[in-house]
């Protein structure tokens, strides 16, 4: 893999991470000071075909909420967040 291709893939992943953070803020309406992290992880479920997206919300009250969506970060939609019921 060339340097340019690697850099493009990283930039694309970063863009999707920021997009999902925006969707999380829009959907869950956390405190403005809440920390939101979005990470693509290996899916712990053997029936999951690939990477999963782990979303963590740490509120100002130090309560941590975690959401695991069984699809890559580039495929996460607002509907996925609504389906989590949070």
N, C-alpha and C. Protein backbone atom coordinates (compact mmCIF):
# COMPACT_ATOMS: atom_id res chain seq x y z
N UNK A 1 0.84 -1.17 0.00
CA UNK A 1 0.00 0.00 0.00
C UNK A 1 0.89 1.24 0.00
N UNK A 2 0.57 2.16 -0.87
CA UNK A 2 1.40 3.37 -0.96
C UNK A 2 1.07 4.33 0.18
N UNK A 3 1.99 5.25 0.40
CA UNK A 3 1.81 6.25 1.45
C UNK A 3 0.55 7.07 1.21
N UNK A 4 0.33 7.48 -0.04
CA UNK A 4 -0.83 8.31 -0.38
C UNK A 4 -2.14 7.56 -0.13
N UNK A 5 -2.18 6.28 -0.49
CA UNK A 5 -3.38 5.48 -0.27
C UNK A 5 -3.65 5.32 1.21
N UNK A 6 -2.61 5.05 1.97
CA UNK A 6 -2.74 4.90 3.42
C UNK A 6 -3.24 6.20 4.05
N UNK A 7 -2.69 7.31 3.63
CA UNK A 7 -3.09 8.61 4.16
C UNK A 7 -4.55 8.91 3.80
N UNK A 8 -4.95 8.60 2.59
CA UNK A 8 -6.33 8.82 2.15
C UNK A 8 -7.30 7.99 2.98
N UNK A 9 -6.96 6.73 3.25
CA UNK A 9 -7.83 5.86 4.05
C UNK A 9 -7.96 6.38 5.48
N UNK A 10 -6.86 6.84 6.05
CA UNK A 10 -6.90 7.39 7.40
C UNK A 10 -7.74 8.66 7.45
N UNK A 11 -7.60 9.51 6.45
CA UNK A 11 -8.39 10.74 6.39
C UNK A 11 -9.88 10.42 6.25
N UNK A 12 -10.20 9.43 5.45
CA UNK A 12 -11.58 9.01 5.26
C UNK A 12 -12.17 8.48 6.57
N UNK A 13 -11.40 7.65 7.27
CA UNK A 13 -11.86 7.10 8.55
C UNK A 13 -12.06 8.22 9.56
N UNK A 14 -11.14 9.17 9.62
CA UNK A 14 -11.27 10.30 10.54
C UNK A 14 -12.52 11.12 10.22
N UNK A 15 -12.80 11.32 8.95
CA UNK A 15 -14.00 12.06 8.54
C UNK A 15 -15.25 11.34 9.05
N UNK A 16 -15.30 10.03 8.88
CA UNK A 16 -16.47 9.26 9.33
C UNK A 16 -16.59 9.28 10.86
N UNK A 17 -15.47 9.24 11.56
CA UNK A 17 -15.51 9.32 13.03
C UNK A 17 -16.13 10.65 13.46
N UNK A 18 -15.72 11.74 12.84
CA UNK A 18 -16.28 13.05 13.17
C UNK A 18 -17.77 13.12 12.81
N UNK A 19 -18.15 12.50 11.70
CA UNK A 19 -19.55 12.47 11.27
C UNK A 19 -20.40 11.73 12.31
N UNK A 20 -19.91 10.59 12.79
CA UNK A 20 -20.63 9.81 13.78
C UNK A 20 -20.71 10.56 15.11
N UNK A 21 -19.65 11.26 15.50
CA UNK A 21 -19.70 12.07 16.72
C UNK A 21 -20.81 13.12 16.62
N UNK A 22 -20.92 13.74 15.46
CA UNK A 22 -21.98 14.72 15.24
C UNK A 22 -23.35 14.06 15.38
N UNK A 23 -23.52 12.88 14.76
CA UNK A 23 -24.79 12.17 14.86
C UNK A 23 -25.11 11.81 16.31
N UNK A 24 -24.11 11.41 17.07
CA UNK A 24 -24.32 11.07 18.48
C UNK A 24 -24.78 12.29 19.25
N UNK A 25 -24.12 13.42 19.05
CA UNK A 25 -24.53 14.66 19.74
C UNK A 25 -25.95 15.05 19.37
N UNK A 26 -26.28 14.91 18.10
CA UNK A 26 -27.62 15.26 17.62
C UNK A 26 -28.67 14.31 18.19
N UNK A 27 -28.35 13.02 18.25
CA UNK A 27 -29.33 12.01 18.67
C UNK A 27 -29.49 11.94 20.19
N UNK A 28 -28.40 11.96 20.93
CA UNK A 28 -28.47 11.75 22.38
C UNK A 28 -28.57 13.05 23.17
N UNK A 29 -28.23 14.18 22.55
CA UNK A 29 -28.28 15.48 23.21
C UNK A 29 -27.55 15.47 24.56
N UNK A 30 -26.28 15.05 24.58
CA UNK A 30 -25.55 15.03 25.85
C UNK A 30 -25.20 16.45 26.28
N UNK A 31 -24.72 16.57 27.50
CA UNK A 31 -24.23 17.85 28.00
C UNK A 31 -23.17 18.36 27.02
N UNK A 32 -23.11 19.67 26.77
CA UNK A 32 -22.11 20.20 25.83
C UNK A 32 -20.67 19.86 26.20
N UNK A 33 -20.43 19.58 27.48
CA UNK A 33 -19.08 19.25 27.92
C UNK A 33 -18.79 17.75 27.92
N UNK A 34 -19.75 16.95 27.49
CA UNK A 34 -19.55 15.50 27.46
C UNK A 34 -18.48 15.13 26.45
N UNK A 35 -17.70 14.12 26.78
CA UNK A 35 -16.69 13.61 25.85
C UNK A 35 -17.29 12.44 25.07
N UNK A 36 -17.13 12.48 23.78
CA UNK A 36 -17.63 11.40 22.92
C UNK A 36 -16.45 10.82 22.17
N UNK A 37 -16.30 9.51 22.28
CA UNK A 37 -15.24 8.86 21.50
C UNK A 37 -15.88 7.82 20.59
N UNK A 38 -15.36 7.73 19.40
CA UNK A 38 -15.83 6.77 18.40
C UNK A 38 -14.61 6.01 17.92
N UNK A 39 -14.68 4.69 18.02
CA UNK A 39 -13.55 3.84 17.64
C UNK A 39 -14.05 2.63 16.87
N UNK A 40 -13.30 2.25 15.85
CA UNK A 40 -13.61 1.03 15.12
C UNK A 40 -12.81 -0.09 15.77
N UNK A 41 -13.51 -1.14 16.21
CA UNK A 41 -12.88 -2.25 16.94
C UNK A 41 -13.24 -3.57 16.26
N UNK A 42 -12.47 -4.59 16.60
CA UNK A 42 -12.83 -5.93 16.13
C UNK A 42 -14.11 -6.34 16.84
N UNK A 43 -15.04 -6.86 16.10
CA UNK A 43 -16.33 -7.24 16.65
C UNK A 43 -16.20 -8.49 17.52
N UNK A 44 -16.67 -8.43 18.78
CA UNK A 44 -16.56 -9.59 19.66
C UNK A 44 -17.57 -10.70 19.34
N UNK A 45 -18.58 -10.40 18.56
CA UNK A 45 -19.61 -11.37 18.20
C UNK A 45 -19.13 -12.20 17.01
N UNK A 46 -19.09 -13.52 17.14
CA UNK A 46 -18.60 -14.35 16.02
C UNK A 46 -19.46 -14.27 14.77
N UNK A 47 -20.72 -13.85 14.89
CA UNK A 47 -21.58 -13.75 13.71
C UNK A 47 -21.44 -12.40 13.01
N UNK A 48 -20.70 -11.49 13.61
CA UNK A 48 -20.47 -10.16 13.03
C UNK A 48 -19.42 -10.31 11.92
N UNK A 49 -19.73 -9.82 10.72
CA UNK A 49 -18.83 -10.05 9.59
C UNK A 49 -17.54 -9.25 9.57
N UNK A 50 -17.43 -8.20 10.35
CA UNK A 50 -16.22 -7.38 10.28
C UNK A 50 -16.09 -6.49 11.49
N UNK A 51 -15.45 -5.33 11.30
CA UNK A 51 -15.27 -4.43 12.43
C UNK A 51 -16.60 -3.85 12.92
N UNK A 52 -16.61 -3.46 14.18
CA UNK A 52 -17.77 -2.82 14.79
C UNK A 52 -17.36 -1.41 15.21
N UNK A 53 -18.34 -0.58 15.49
CA UNK A 53 -18.08 0.78 15.93
C UNK A 53 -18.48 0.90 17.39
N UNK A 54 -17.52 1.28 18.22
CA UNK A 54 -17.77 1.46 19.64
C UNK A 54 -17.86 2.96 19.92
N UNK A 55 -18.96 3.37 20.54
CA UNK A 55 -19.20 4.76 20.87
C UNK A 55 -19.27 4.88 22.38
N UNK A 56 -18.49 5.78 22.95
CA UNK A 56 -18.49 5.99 24.40
C UNK A 56 -18.83 7.45 24.66
N UNK A 57 -19.77 7.66 25.58
CA UNK A 57 -20.15 9.01 25.99
C UNK A 57 -19.85 9.13 27.47
N UNK A 58 -18.98 10.06 27.83
CA UNK A 58 -18.64 10.31 29.23
C UNK A 58 -19.18 11.67 29.58
N UNK A 59 -20.22 11.66 30.44
CA UNK A 59 -20.87 12.90 30.82
C UNK A 59 -20.08 13.65 31.88
N UNK A 60 -20.48 14.89 32.10
CA UNK A 60 -19.84 15.73 33.11
C UNK A 60 -20.04 15.12 34.50
N UNK A 61 -21.08 14.28 34.65
CA UNK A 61 -21.35 13.60 35.92
C UNK A 61 -20.50 12.34 36.08
N UNK A 62 -19.59 12.10 35.12
CA UNK A 62 -18.68 10.94 35.09
C UNK A 62 -19.40 9.62 34.91
N UNK A 63 -20.62 9.66 34.39
CA UNK A 63 -21.32 8.43 34.03
C UNK A 63 -20.96 8.11 32.59
N UNK A 64 -20.51 6.87 32.39
CA UNK A 64 -20.05 6.42 31.07
C UNK A 64 -21.12 5.57 30.43
N UNK A 65 -21.49 5.91 29.20
CA UNK A 65 -22.43 5.09 28.43
C UNK A 65 -21.69 4.58 27.19
N UNK A 66 -21.90 3.32 26.89
CA UNK A 66 -21.21 2.74 25.73
C UNK A 66 -22.25 2.12 24.79
N UNK A 67 -22.00 2.28 23.51
CA UNK A 67 -22.87 1.73 22.47
C UNK A 67 -21.96 0.98 21.50
N UNK A 68 -22.38 -0.23 21.12
CA UNK A 68 -21.63 -1.00 20.13
C UNK A 68 -22.55 -1.24 18.95
N UNK A 69 -22.13 -0.77 17.79
CA UNK A 69 -22.89 -0.96 16.55
C UNK A 69 -22.11 -1.91 15.67
N UNK A 70 -22.75 -2.96 15.26
CA UNK A 70 -22.09 -4.04 14.53
C UNK A 70 -21.94 -3.72 13.04
N UNK A 71 -21.22 -2.64 12.77
CA UNK A 71 -20.86 -2.28 11.40
C UNK A 71 -19.70 -1.29 11.45
N UNK A 72 -18.93 -1.20 10.38
CA UNK A 72 -17.79 -0.27 10.35
C UNK A 72 -18.27 1.18 10.49
N UNK A 73 -17.39 2.04 10.97
CA UNK A 73 -17.74 3.44 11.22
C UNK A 73 -18.24 4.13 9.94
N UNK A 74 -17.73 3.76 8.80
CA UNK A 74 -18.15 4.38 7.54
C UNK A 74 -19.59 4.05 7.18
N UNK A 75 -20.15 3.00 7.79
CA UNK A 75 -21.52 2.57 7.47
C UNK A 75 -22.53 2.94 8.55
N UNK A 76 -22.10 3.56 9.63
CA UNK A 76 -23.01 3.92 10.72
C UNK A 76 -23.91 5.07 10.28
N UNK A 77 -25.21 4.92 10.55
CA UNK A 77 -26.19 5.94 10.18
C UNK A 77 -26.96 6.41 11.42
N UNK A 78 -27.73 7.47 11.25
CA UNK A 78 -28.58 7.96 12.33
C UNK A 78 -29.58 6.89 12.74
N UNK A 79 -30.03 6.11 11.78
CA UNK A 79 -30.97 5.01 12.08
C UNK A 79 -30.35 3.99 13.02
N UNK A 80 -29.07 3.71 12.87
CA UNK A 80 -28.38 2.78 13.79
C UNK A 80 -28.42 3.32 15.22
N UNK A 81 -28.23 4.61 15.37
CA UNK A 81 -28.27 5.21 16.71
C UNK A 81 -29.69 5.17 17.28
N UNK A 82 -30.67 5.43 16.45
CA UNK A 82 -32.06 5.35 16.92
C UNK A 82 -32.41 3.93 17.34
N UNK A 83 -31.87 2.95 16.65
CA UNK A 83 -32.15 1.55 16.95
C UNK A 83 -31.56 1.11 18.29
N UNK A 84 -30.54 1.83 18.78
CA UNK A 84 -29.96 1.47 20.07
C UNK A 84 -30.87 1.86 21.22
N UNK A 85 -31.81 2.77 20.96
CA UNK A 85 -32.77 3.15 21.99
C UNK A 85 -32.20 4.06 23.06
N UNK A 86 -31.08 4.69 22.81
CA UNK A 86 -30.48 5.59 23.82
C UNK A 86 -30.60 7.00 23.42
